[in-house]
């Protein structure tokens, strides 16, 4: 059985806006994307709704 990890809003927003911004560390977001495609990480609908409130780069990345 594969481990699955639930990502929360604060962890995504803080990462996007600070230490792991897409400009500074695109590899981080590539790894998260890969893990999501393999079902290893996920977020709840509530997290999605919170991120969708702000139409920024993170919102666009999540939609992609």
PDB file of N, CA and C in Angstrom:
ATOM      1  N   UNK A   1       0.843  -1.189   0.000  1.00  0.00           N
ATOM      2  CA  UNK A   1       0.000   0.000   0.000  1.00  0.00           C
ATOM      3  C   UNK A   1       0.884   1.247   0.000  1.00  0.00           C
ATOM      4  N   UNK A   2       0.568   2.200  -0.855  1.00  0.00           N
ATOM      5  CA  UNK A   2       1.315   3.438  -0.975  1.00  0.00           C
ATOM      6  C   UNK A   2       0.841   4.451   0.054  1.00  0.00           C
ATOM      7  N   UNK A   3       1.782   5.163   0.658  1.00  0.00           N
ATOM      8  CA  UNK A   3       1.427   6.238   1.575  1.00  0.00           C
ATOM      9  C   UNK A   3       0.792   7.373   0.790  1.00  0.00           C
ATOM     10  N   UNK A   4      -0.240   8.003   1.368  1.00  0.00           N
ATOM     11  CA  UNK A   4      -0.871   9.173   0.763  1.00  0.00           C
ATOM     12  C   UNK A   4      -0.805  10.308   1.772  1.00  0.00           C
ATOM     13  N   UNK A   5      -0.573  11.503   1.278  1.00  0.00           N
ATOM     14  CA  UNK A   5      -0.430  12.665   2.143  1.00  0.00           C
ATOM     15  C   UNK A   5      -1.417  13.741   1.725  1.00  0.00           C
ATOM     16  N   UNK A   6      -2.100  14.309   2.714  1.00  0.00           N
ATOM     17  CA  UNK A   6      -3.068  15.365   2.482  1.00  0.00           C
ATOM     18  C   UNK A   6      -2.380  16.716   2.685  1.00  0.00           C
ATOM     19  N   UNK A   7      -2.458  17.574   1.675  1.00  0.00           N
ATOM     20  CA  UNK A   7      -1.855  18.897   1.754  1.00  0.00           C
ATOM     21  C   UNK A   7      -2.891  19.901   2.230  1.00  0.00           C
ATOM     22  N   UNK A   8      -2.447  20.831   3.084  1.00  0.00           N
ATOM     23  CA  UNK A   8      -3.388  21.840   3.563  1.00  0.00           C
ATOM     24  C   UNK A   8      -3.139  23.182   2.881  1.00  0.00           C
ATOM     25  N   UNK A   9      -4.090  24.066   3.016  1.00  0.00           N
ATOM     26  CA  UNK A   9      -4.034  25.360   2.349  1.00  0.00           C
ATOM     27  C   UNK A   9      -2.812  26.155   2.763  1.00  0.00           C
ATOM     28  N   UNK A  10      -2.583  26.259   4.056  1.00  0.00           N
ATOM     29  CA  UNK A  10      -1.475  27.067   4.545  1.00  0.00           C
ATOM     30  C   UNK A  10      -0.134  26.563   4.021  1.00  0.00           C
ATOM     31  N   UNK A  11       0.050  25.277   3.993  1.00  0.00           N
ATOM     32  CA  UNK A  11       1.303  24.724   3.491  1.00  0.00           C
ATOM     33  C   UNK A  11       1.537  25.061   2.031  1.00  0.00           C
ATOM     34  N   UNK A  12       0.499  25.042   1.237  1.00  0.00           N
ATOM     35  CA  UNK A  12       0.624  25.382  -0.183  1.00  0.00           C
ATOM     36  C   UNK A  12       0.865  26.878  -0.381  1.00  0.00           C
ATOM     37  N   UNK A  13       0.061  27.704   0.302  1.00  0.00           N
ATOM     38  CA  UNK A  13       0.188  29.155   0.136  1.00  0.00           C
ATOM     39  C   UNK A  13       1.536  29.638   0.654  1.00  0.00           C
ATOM     40  N   UNK A  14       1.934  29.192   1.828  1.00  0.00           N
ATOM     41  CA  UNK A  14       3.214  29.610   2.399  1.00  0.00           C
ATOM     42  C   UNK A  14       4.372  29.183   1.504  1.00  0.00           C
ATOM     43  N   UNK A  15       4.320  27.965   1.016  1.00  0.00           N
ATOM     44  CA  UNK A  15       5.372  27.485   0.116  1.00  0.00           C
ATOM     45  C   UNK A  15       5.422  28.320  -1.157  1.00  0.00           C
ATOM     46  N   UNK A  16       4.266  28.585  -1.743  1.00  0.00           N
ATOM     47  CA  UNK A  16       4.200  29.329  -2.997  1.00  0.00           C
ATOM     48  C   UNK A  16       4.750  30.749  -2.833  1.00  0.00           C
ATOM     49  N   UNK A  17       4.431  31.363  -1.696  1.00  0.00           N
ATOM     50  CA  UNK A  17       4.787  32.773  -1.494  1.00  0.00           C
ATOM     51  C   UNK A  17       6.154  33.011  -0.869  1.00  0.00           C
ATOM     52  N   UNK A  18       6.811  31.971  -0.374  1.00  0.00           N
ATOM     53  CA  UNK A  18       8.085  32.204   0.314  1.00  0.00           C
ATOM     54  C   UNK A  18       9.182  31.280  -0.199  1.00  0.00           C
ATOM     55  N   UNK A  19       9.630  30.400   0.640  1.00  0.00           N
ATOM     56  CA  UNK A  19      10.836  29.611   0.410  1.00  0.00           C
ATOM     57  C   UNK A  19      10.813  28.731  -0.834  1.00  0.00           C
ATOM     58  N   UNK A  20       9.646  28.241  -1.216  1.00  0.00           N
ATOM     59  CA  UNK A  20       9.563  27.336  -2.361  1.00  0.00           C
ATOM     60  C   UNK A  20       8.779  27.952  -3.512  1.00  0.00           C
ATOM     61  N   UNK A  21       8.903  29.252  -3.679  1.00  0.00           N
ATOM     62  CA  UNK A  21       8.159  29.903  -4.769  1.00  0.00           C
ATOM     63  C   UNK A  21       8.529  29.241  -6.097  1.00  0.00           C
ATOM     64  N   UNK A  22       7.613  29.315  -7.026  1.00  0.00           N
ATOM     65  CA  UNK A  22       7.823  28.681  -8.330  1.00  0.00           C
ATOM     66  C   UNK A  22       9.059  29.257  -9.024  1.00  0.00           C
ATOM     67  N   UNK A  23       9.385  30.511  -8.757  1.00  0.00           N
ATOM     68  CA  UNK A  23      10.559  31.133  -9.370  1.00  0.00           C
ATOM     69  C   UNK A  23      11.851  30.639  -8.739  1.00  0.00           C
ATOM     70  N   UNK A  24      11.822  30.411  -7.426  1.00  0.00           N
ATOM     71  CA  UNK A  24      13.025  29.979  -6.719  1.00  0.00           C
ATOM     72  C   UNK A  24      13.254  28.479  -6.785  1.00  0.00           C
ATOM     73  N   UNK A  25      12.169  27.726  -6.775  1.00  0.00           N
ATOM     74  CA  UNK A  25      12.307  26.276  -6.668  1.00  0.00           C
ATOM     75  C   UNK A  25      11.240  25.548  -7.501  1.00  0.00           C
ATOM     76  N   UNK A  26      11.324  25.654  -8.824  1.00  0.00           N
ATOM     77  CA  UNK A  26      10.312  24.992  -9.659  1.00  0.00           C
ATOM     78  C   UNK A  26      10.324  23.472  -9.499  1.00  0.00           C
ATOM     79  N   UNK A  27      11.461  22.925  -9.093  1.00  0.00           N
ATOM     80  CA  UNK A  27      11.553  21.471  -8.901  1.00  0.00           C
ATOM     81  C   UNK A  27      10.581  20.984  -7.824  1.00  0.00           C
ATOM     82  N   UNK A  28      10.422  21.775  -6.774  1.00  0.00           N
ATOM     83  CA  UNK A  28       9.504  21.424  -5.682  1.00  0.00           C
ATOM     84  C   UNK A  28       8.091  21.212  -6.229  1.00  0.00           C
ATOM     85  N   UNK A  29       7.643  22.143  -7.069  1.00  0.00           N
ATOM     86  CA  UNK A  29       6.296  22.073  -7.623  1.00  0.00           C
ATOM     87  C   UNK A  29       6.176  20.956  -8.647  1.00  0.00           C
ATOM     88  N   UNK A  30       7.255  20.672  -9.342  1.00  0.00           N
ATOM     89  CA  UNK A  30       7.259  19.542 -10.260  1.00  0.00           C
ATOM     90  C   UNK A  30       7.122  18.220  -9.518  1.00  0.00           C
ATOM     91  N   UNK A  31       7.793  18.112  -8.388  1.00  0.00           N
ATOM     92  CA  UNK A  31       7.699  16.899  -7.565  1.00  0.00           C
ATOM     93  C   UNK A  31       6.290  16.748  -7.013  1.00  0.00           C
ATOM     94  N   UNK A  32       5.717  17.850  -6.500  1.00  0.00           N
ATOM     95  CA  UNK A  32       4.338  17.786  -5.990  1.00  0.00           C
ATOM     96  C   UNK A  32       3.366  17.389  -7.098  1.00  0.00           C
ATOM     97  N   UNK A  33       3.551  17.949  -8.268  1.00  0.00           N
ATOM     98  CA  UNK A  33       2.691  17.619  -9.405  1.00  0.00           C
ATOM     99  C   UNK A  33       2.794  16.133  -9.739  1.00  0.00           C
ATOM    100  N   UNK A  34       4.001  15.631  -9.787  1.00  0.00           N
ATOM    101  CA  UNK A  34       4.218  14.215 -10.076  1.00  0.00           C
ATOM    102  C   UNK A  34       3.576  13.329  -9.010  1.00  0.00           C
ATOM    103  N   UNK A  35       3.755  13.710  -7.756  1.00  0.00           N
ATOM    104  CA  UNK A  35       3.165  12.930  -6.663  1.00  0.00           C
ATOM    105  C   UNK A  35       1.642  12.956  -6.730  1.00  0.00           C
ATOM    106  N   UNK A  36       1.067  14.099  -7.105  1.00  0.00           N
ATOM    107  CA  UNK A  36      -0.397  14.197  -7.225  1.00  0.00           C
ATOM    108  C   UNK A  36      -0.899  13.299  -8.353  1.00  0.00           C
ATOM    109  N   UNK A  37      -0.192  13.297  -9.455  1.00  0.00           N
ATOM    110  CA  UNK A  37      -0.595  12.450 -10.588  1.00  0.00           C
ATOM    111  C   UNK A  37      -0.547  10.964 -10.232  1.00  0.00           C
ATOM    112  N   UNK A  38       0.367  10.597  -9.331  1.00  0.00           N
ATOM    113  CA  UNK A  38       0.474   9.200  -8.893  1.00  0.00           C
ATOM    114  C   UNK A  38      -0.421   8.894  -7.700  1.00  0.00           C
ATOM    115  N   UNK A  39      -1.164   9.891  -7.209  1.00  0.00           N
ATOM    116  CA  UNK A  39      -2.081   9.684  -6.098  1.00  0.00           C
ATOM    117  C   UNK A  39      -1.393   9.642  -4.746  1.00  0.00           C
ATOM    118  N   UNK A  40      -0.176  10.155  -4.655  1.00  0.00           N
ATOM    119  CA  UNK A  40       0.547  10.130  -3.391  1.00  0.00           C
ATOM    120  C   UNK A  40       0.235  11.332  -2.518  1.00  0.00           C
ATOM    121  N   UNK A  41      -0.152  12.459  -3.127  1.00  0.00           N
ATOM    122  CA  UNK A  41      -0.588  13.631  -2.376  1.00  0.00           C
ATOM    123  C   UNK A  41      -1.931  14.080  -2.923  1.00  0.00           C
ATOM    124  N   UNK A  42      -2.711  14.718  -2.071  1.00  0.00           N
ATOM    125  CA  UNK A  42      -4.012  15.225  -2.480  1.00  0.00           C
ATOM    126  C   UNK A  42      -4.392  16.365  -1.547  1.00  0.00           C
ATOM    127  N   UNK A  43      -5.420  17.094  -1.914  1.00  0.00           N
ATOM    128  CA  UNK A  43      -5.985  18.092  -1.008  1.00  0.00           C
ATOM    129  C   UNK A  43      -7.502  17.954  -1.064  1.00  0.00           C
ATOM    130  N   UNK A  44      -8.133  18.454  -0.037  1.00  0.00           N
ATOM    131  CA  UNK A  44      -9.583  18.347   0.064  1.00  0.00           C
ATOM    132  C   UNK A  44     -10.253  19.419  -0.802  1.00  0.00           C
ATOM    133  N   UNK A  45     -11.538  19.278  -0.998  1.00  0.00           N
ATOM    134  CA  UNK A  45     -12.302  20.281  -1.743  1.00  0.00           C
ATOM    135  C   UNK A  45     -12.267  21.631  -1.027  1.00  0.00           C
ATOM    136  N   UNK A  46     -12.231  21.613   0.304  1.00  0.00           N
ATOM    137  CA  UNK A  46     -12.167  22.869   1.063  1.00  0.00           C
ATOM    138  C   UNK A  46     -10.862  23.609   0.766  1.00  0.00           C
ATOM    139  N   UNK A  47      -9.766  22.885   0.671  1.00  0.00           N
ATOM    140  CA  UNK A  47      -8.488  23.503   0.314  1.00  0.00           C
ATOM    141  C   UNK A  47      -8.606  24.115  -1.075  1.00  0.00           C
ATOM    142  N   UNK A  48      -9.174  23.403  -1.992  1.00  0.00           N
ATOM    143  CA  UNK A  48      -9.351  23.901  -3.367  1.00  0.00           C
ATOM    144  C   UNK A  48     -10.193  25.171  -3.374  1.00  0.00           C
ATOM    145  N   UNK A  49     -11.279  25.190  -2.613  1.00  0.00           N
ATOM    146  CA  UNK A  49     -12.140  26.377  -2.557  1.00  0.00           C
ATOM    147  C   UNK A  49     -11.378  27.578  -1.996  1.00  0.00           C
ATOM    148  N   UNK A  50     -10.566  27.353  -0.973  1.00  0.00           N
ATOM    149  CA  UNK A  50      -9.790  28.447  -0.386  1.00  0.00           C
ATOM    150  C   UNK A  50      -8.777  28.998  -1.382  1.00  0.00           C
ATOM    151  N   UNK A  51      -8.100  28.133  -2.094  1.00  0.00           N
ATOM    152  CA  UNK A  51      -7.108  28.578  -3.069  1.00  0.00           C
ATOM    153  C   UNK A  51      -7.781  29.275  -4.245  1.00  0.00           C
ATOM    154  N   UNK A  52      -8.961  28.816  -4.635  1.00  0.00           N
ATOM    155  CA  UNK A  52      -9.687  29.421  -5.752  1.00  0.00           C
ATOM    156  C   UNK A  52     -10.158  30.847  -5.454  1.00  0.00           C
ATOM    157  N   UNK A  53     -10.216  31.234  -4.183  1.00  0.00           N
ATOM    158  CA  UNK A  53     -10.667  32.581  -3.818  1.00  0.00           C
ATOM    159  C   UNK A  53      -9.729  33.659  -4.348  1.00  0.00           C
ATOM    160  N   UNK A  54      -8.471  33.318  -4.524  1.00  0.00           N
ATOM    161  CA  UNK A  54      -7.496  34.279  -5.016  1.00  0.00           C
ATOM    162  C   UNK A  54      -6.984  33.795  -6.359  1.00  0.00           C
ATOM    163  N   UNK A  55      -7.278  34.531  -7.380  1.00  0.00           N
ATOM    164  CA  UNK A  55      -6.859  34.132  -8.721  1.00  0.00           C
ATOM    165  C   UNK A  55      -5.410  34.567  -8.937  1.00  0.00           C
ATOM    166  N   UNK A  56      -4.483  33.749  -8.412  1.00  0.00           N
ATOM    167  CA  UNK A  56      -3.055  34.048  -8.520  1.00  0.00           C
ATOM    168  C   UNK A  56      -2.334  32.867  -9.159  1.00  0.00           C
ATOM    169  N   UNK A  57      -1.035  32.882  -9.100  1.00  0.00           N
ATOM    170  CA  UNK A  57      -0.244  31.817  -9.698  1.00  0.00           C
ATOM    171  C   UNK A  57      -0.509  30.458  -9.087  1.00  0.00           C
ATOM    172  N   UNK A  58      -0.685  30.412  -7.773  1.00  0.00           N
ATOM    173  CA  UNK A  58      -0.965  29.133  -7.107  1.00  0.00           C
ATOM    174  C   UNK A  58      -2.305  28.584  -7.572  1.00  0.00           C
ATOM    175  N   UNK A  59      -3.281  29.440  -7.670  1.00  0.00           N
ATOM    176  CA  UNK A  59      -4.606  29.011  -8.149  1.00  0.00           C
ATOM    177  C   UNK A  59      -4.496  28.422  -9.549  1.00  0.00           C
ATOM    178  N   UNK A  60      -3.751  29.082 -10.410  1.00  0.00           N
ATOM    179  CA  UNK A  60      -3.560  28.579 -11.776  1.00  0.00           C
ATOM    180  C   UNK A  60      -2.821  27.244 -11.777  1.00  0.00           C
ATOM    181  N   UNK A  61      -1.812  27.100 -10.910  1.00  0.00           N
ATOM    182  CA  UNK A  61      -1.053  25.870 -10.823  1.00  0.00           C
ATOM    183  C   UNK A  61      -1.952  24.712 -10.364  1.00  0.00           C
ATOM    184  N   UNK A  62      -2.788  24.971  -9.360  1.00  0.00           N
ATOM    185  CA  UNK A  62      -3.698  23.926  -8.851  1.00  0.00           C
ATOM    186  C   UNK A  62      -4.691  23.518  -9.939  1.00  0.00           C
ATOM    187  N   UNK A  63      -5.185  24.462 -10.682  1.00  0.00           N
ATOM    188  CA  UNK A  63      -6.134  24.161 -11.765  1.00  0.00           C
ATOM    189  C   UNK A  63      -5.486  23.322 -12.851  1.00  0.00           C
ATOM    190  N   UNK A  64      -4.174  23.508 -13.030  1.00  0.00           N
ATOM    191  CA  UNK A  64      -3.456  22.771 -14.079  1.00  0.00           C
ATOM    192  C   UNK A  64      -3.229  21.356 -13.665  1.00  0.00           C
TER     193      UNK A  64
END
